[in-house]
Amino acid sequence: MLDGWARERIDPVLNAMGERLAAAGVSANAVTLAAFAVGVAAAIAISIGWFWPGLALIAFSRLGDGLDGVVARKRGKTDFGGFLDLVLDFGFYAAIPLGFAIADPTANALAAAVLVAAFYVNGATFLGYAALAAKRGLDGAARGEKSVYFTTGLAEATETFAVFAAFCLFPGWFTPIAWIFAAACLWTAFWRIVEARRVFV
């Protein structure tokens, strides 16, 4: 929901940084892999109760996730690069709730499992819609230059980052926040199913 608003504000910074990385010979896939590695480090930090370092690592990971697209556009996009970016994004989204489940299994495990399940369902509708959009030649340029067709929703990358930040800032509130965001993800999935029925029938 907020991705378009956020991109307008951070794209100038990302473009400047990404251009420097591309000029230095750094590949987009290297940035993608580094961002994922930092995201896994964030999950590990969270799992041992280091919530503030975890938040800092999450921020760096998502910065890298924005930079890889800029580098790809400068050095040449590849289908594999887009594929790798999507797969590792979903890996990151699962890793952070898992970190909180490990940090306090009694309080967090169920909510974390429900949130990851909601991510899975939401991701399935996102990728399914993108596949059908590609099959029909739909243009998703309104969402920016992406490797696949992006649909809007209540729960997007900006909202996910905000929720992960809230988890780290208020770890005692992980469970209620996770339940609320799981509901937002499932609503987004439901809306996407309704939209798919309207567009693809």
Foldseek 3Di string as FASTA:
>chain_A
DCLVVVCVVCVVVLLVVLVVCLVVVHALLNLLVVLLVLLLVLLQCLLQPNLVSSLVSPVSSVSSLSNSVSSCVVVPPDLVSQVSSVVSVLVSLLSNLVSLCNNPVVVRVVLSVLLNVLSVLLVVLQVVVQVVCVVVVHDQCVSPDHSTRGDDFQDDDVNSSVLSNVCSVCVVCNRVSSVVVSVRSNRRSVVSVVVCVVPPD
